[in-house]
Amino acid sequence: MFASTYEGFGMPLIEAQATGVIPVTSNISSMPEVAGAGGAVFVDPFDVLSIREGVLSAINDQQLRESIHKKGFENIKRFEPRRISEMYFELYKQI
């Protein structure tokens, strides 16, 4: 559960996905970009009913959990240290 109203990045989402946990997170700020398309249950962090429905969906909907689990493991590949270091190296070469 990570219904933050503001984040610069949202590392707990990547940590959850890497460990196979289904993230329930905000549909604002950087959360959708970090979690990736379909990589989490997205909720309105200002709406308690939305958060409740999101948590219940994560608990009760097995197909949703399986889909998010699969997409989460794919999403974390974007943040592998080797890939990030290669991106920084390319940026430094351009500069």
C-alpha atoms as a PDB file:
ATOM      1  CA  MET A   1       0.000   0.000   0.000  1.00  0.00           C
ATOM      2  CA  PHE A   2       1.645   3.203  -1.193  1.00  0.00           C
ATOM      3  CA  ALA A   3      -1.050   5.853  -1.685  1.00  0.00           C
ATOM      4  CA  SER A   4       1.354   8.768  -1.674  1.00  0.00           C
ATOM      5  CA  THR A   5       0.263  12.222  -2.803  1.00  0.00           C
ATOM      6  CA  TYR A   6       3.746  13.230  -3.935  1.00  0.00           C
ATOM      7  CA  GLU A   7       6.902  11.331  -4.769  1.00  0.00           C
ATOM      8  CA  GLY A   8      10.009  12.127  -6.700  1.00  0.00           C
ATOM      9  CA  PHE A   9      10.434   8.524  -7.755  1.00  0.00           C
ATOM     10  CA  GLY A  10       8.638   5.866  -5.706  1.00  0.00           C
ATOM     11  CA  MET A  11      11.264   3.222  -4.921  1.00  0.00           C
ATOM     12  CA  PRO A  12       8.819   1.175  -2.780  1.00  0.00           C
ATOM     13  CA  LEU A  13       6.965   0.280  -5.988  1.00  0.00           C
ATOM     14  CA  ILE A  14      10.052  -1.242  -7.573  1.00  0.00           C
ATOM     15  CA  GLU A  15      10.888  -3.018  -4.320  1.00  0.00           C
ATOM     16  CA  ALA A  16       7.370  -4.478  -4.162  1.00  0.00           C
ATOM     17  CA  GLN A  17       7.483  -5.653  -7.761  1.00  0.00           C
ATOM     18  CA  ALA A  18      10.949  -7.169  -7.298  1.00  0.00           C
ATOM     19  CA  THR A  19       9.716  -9.238  -4.371  1.00  0.00           C
ATOM     20  CA  GLY A  20       6.460 -10.302  -6.036  1.00  0.00           C
ATOM     21  CA  VAL A  21       4.211  -8.077  -3.928  1.00  0.00           C
ATOM     22  CA  ILE A  22       1.234  -6.470  -5.675  1.00  0.00           C
ATOM     23  CA  PRO A  23       1.559  -2.695  -5.209  1.00  0.00           C
ATOM     24  CA  VAL A  24      -1.528  -0.603  -4.548  1.00  0.00           C
ATOM     25  CA  THR A  25      -0.486   2.953  -5.284  1.00  0.00           C
ATOM     26  CA  SER A  26      -1.550   6.432  -6.311  1.00  0.00           C
ATOM     27  CA  ASN A  27      -2.686   7.258  -9.813  1.00  0.00           C
ATOM     28  CA  ILE A  28      -0.823  10.591  -9.597  1.00  0.00           C
ATOM     29  CA  SER A  29       2.695  11.969  -9.390  1.00  0.00           C
ATOM     30  CA  SER A  30       5.383   9.579 -10.624  1.00  0.00           C
ATOM     31  CA  MET A  31       3.616   6.393  -9.531  1.00  0.00           C
ATOM     32  CA  PRO A  32       2.107   5.342 -12.892  1.00  0.00           C
ATOM     33  CA  GLU A  33       5.398   5.984 -14.663  1.00  0.00           C
ATOM     34  CA  VAL A  34       7.454   4.060 -12.116  1.00  0.00           C
ATOM     35  CA  ALA A  35       5.070   1.115 -11.729  1.00  0.00           C
ATOM     36  CA  GLY A  36       4.557   0.834 -15.476  1.00  0.00           C
ATOM     37  CA  ALA A  37       1.386   0.082 -17.380  1.00  0.00           C
ATOM     38  CA  GLY A  38      -0.549  -2.544 -15.474  1.00  0.00           C
ATOM     39  CA  GLY A  39       2.205  -2.965 -12.885  1.00  0.00           C
ATOM     40  CA  ALA A  40       0.082  -1.971  -9.896  1.00  0.00           C
ATOM     41  CA  VAL A  41      -3.434  -1.318  -8.703  1.00  0.00           C
ATOM     42  CA  PHE A  42      -3.842   2.430  -9.096  1.00  0.00           C
ATOM     43  CA  VAL A  43      -6.062   4.414  -6.711  1.00  0.00           C
ATOM     44  CA  ASP A  44      -6.994   8.015  -6.007  1.00  0.00           C
ATOM     45  CA  PRO A  45      -4.931   8.825  -2.894  1.00  0.00           C
ATOM     46  CA  PHE A  46      -7.442  11.491  -1.861  1.00  0.00           C
ATOM     47  CA  ASP A  47     -10.413   9.113  -1.931  1.00  0.00           C
ATOM     48  CA  VAL A  48     -10.718   6.570   0.888  1.00  0.00           C
ATOM     49  CA  LEU A  49     -13.243   4.508  -1.072  1.00  0.00           C
ATOM     50  CA  SER A  50     -10.892   4.308  -4.044  1.00  0.00           C
ATOM     51  CA  ILE A  51      -8.102   3.090  -1.762  1.00  0.00           C
ATOM     52  CA  ARG A  52     -10.428   0.556  -0.146  1.00  0.00           C
ATOM     53  CA  GLU A  53     -11.582  -0.754  -3.533  1.00  0.00           C
ATOM     54  CA  GLY A  54      -7.995  -0.992  -4.741  1.00  0.00           C
ATOM     55  CA  VAL A  55      -6.880  -3.003  -1.716  1.00  0.00           C
ATOM     56  CA  LEU A  56      -9.905  -5.297  -1.993  1.00  0.00           C
ATOM     57  CA  SER A  57      -9.215  -5.818  -5.702  1.00  0.00           C
ATOM     58  CA  ALA A  58      -5.628  -6.771  -4.923  1.00  0.00           C
ATOM     59  CA  ILE A  59      -6.842  -9.242  -2.310  1.00  0.00           C
ATOM     60  CA  ASN A  60      -9.847 -10.753  -4.095  1.00  0.00           C
ATOM     61  CA  ASP A  61      -9.071 -10.714  -7.831  1.00  0.00           C
ATOM     62  CA  GLN A  62      -6.654 -13.537  -8.599  1.00  0.00           C
ATOM     63  CA  GLN A  63      -6.481 -12.769 -12.339  1.00  0.00           C
ATOM     64  CA  LEU A  64      -5.627  -9.153 -11.567  1.00  0.00           C
ATOM     65  CA  ARG A  65      -2.891 -10.243  -9.146  1.00  0.00           C
ATOM     66  CA  GLU A  66      -1.397 -12.633 -11.696  1.00  0.00           C
ATOM     67  CA  SER A  67      -1.397  -9.961 -14.386  1.00  0.00           C
ATOM     68  CA  ILE A  68       0.183  -7.346 -12.121  1.00  0.00           C
ATOM     69  CA  HIS A  69       2.719  -9.856 -10.851  1.00  0.00           C
ATOM     70  CA  LYS A  70       3.827 -10.679 -14.411  1.00  0.00           C
ATOM     71  CA  LYS A  71       3.927  -7.035 -15.529  1.00  0.00           C
ATOM     72  CA  GLY A  72       5.757  -6.032 -12.356  1.00  0.00           C
ATOM     73  CA  PHE A  73       8.571  -8.493 -13.001  1.00  0.00           C
ATOM     74  CA  GLU A  74       8.857  -7.158 -16.548  1.00  0.00           C
ATOM     75  CA  ASN A  75       8.802  -3.552 -15.314  1.00  0.00           C
ATOM     76  CA  ILE A  76      11.691  -3.952 -12.879  1.00  0.00           C
ATOM     77  CA  LYS A  77      13.994  -4.797 -15.760  1.00  0.00           C
ATOM     78  CA  ARG A  78      13.929  -1.101 -16.650  1.00  0.00           C
ATOM     79  CA  PHE A  79      15.696  -0.367 -13.362  1.00  0.00           C
ATOM     80  CA  GLU A  80      18.437  -2.997 -13.343  1.00  0.00           C
ATOM     81  CA  PRO A  81      21.723  -1.423 -12.219  1.00  0.00           C
ATOM     82  CA  ARG A  82      23.607  -2.508 -15.336  1.00  0.00           C
ATOM     83  CA  ARG A  83      21.002  -0.949 -17.609  1.00  0.00           C
ATOM     84  CA  ILE A  84      20.935   2.281 -15.602  1.00  0.00           C
ATOM     85  CA  SER A  85      24.734   2.514 -15.631  1.00  0.00           C
ATOM     86  CA  GLU A  86      24.750   2.042 -19.406  1.00  0.00           C
ATOM     87  CA  MET A  87      22.209   4.839 -19.758  1.00  0.00           C
ATOM     88  CA  TYR A  88      24.376   7.137 -17.627  1.00  0.00           C
ATOM     89  CA  PHE A  89      27.433   6.213 -19.683  1.00  0.00           C
ATOM     90  CA  GLU A  90      25.615   7.097 -22.914  1.00  0.00           C
ATOM     91  CA  LEU A  91      24.506  10.396 -21.398  1.00  0.00           C
ATOM     92  CA  TYR A  92      28.057  11.229 -20.343  1.00  0.00           C
ATOM     93  CA  LYS A  93      29.315  10.471 -23.857  1.00  0.00           C
ATOM     94  CA  GLN A  94      26.737  12.870 -25.291  1.00  0.00           C
ATOM     95  CA  ILE A  95      27.713  15.626 -22.880  1.00  0.00           C
END
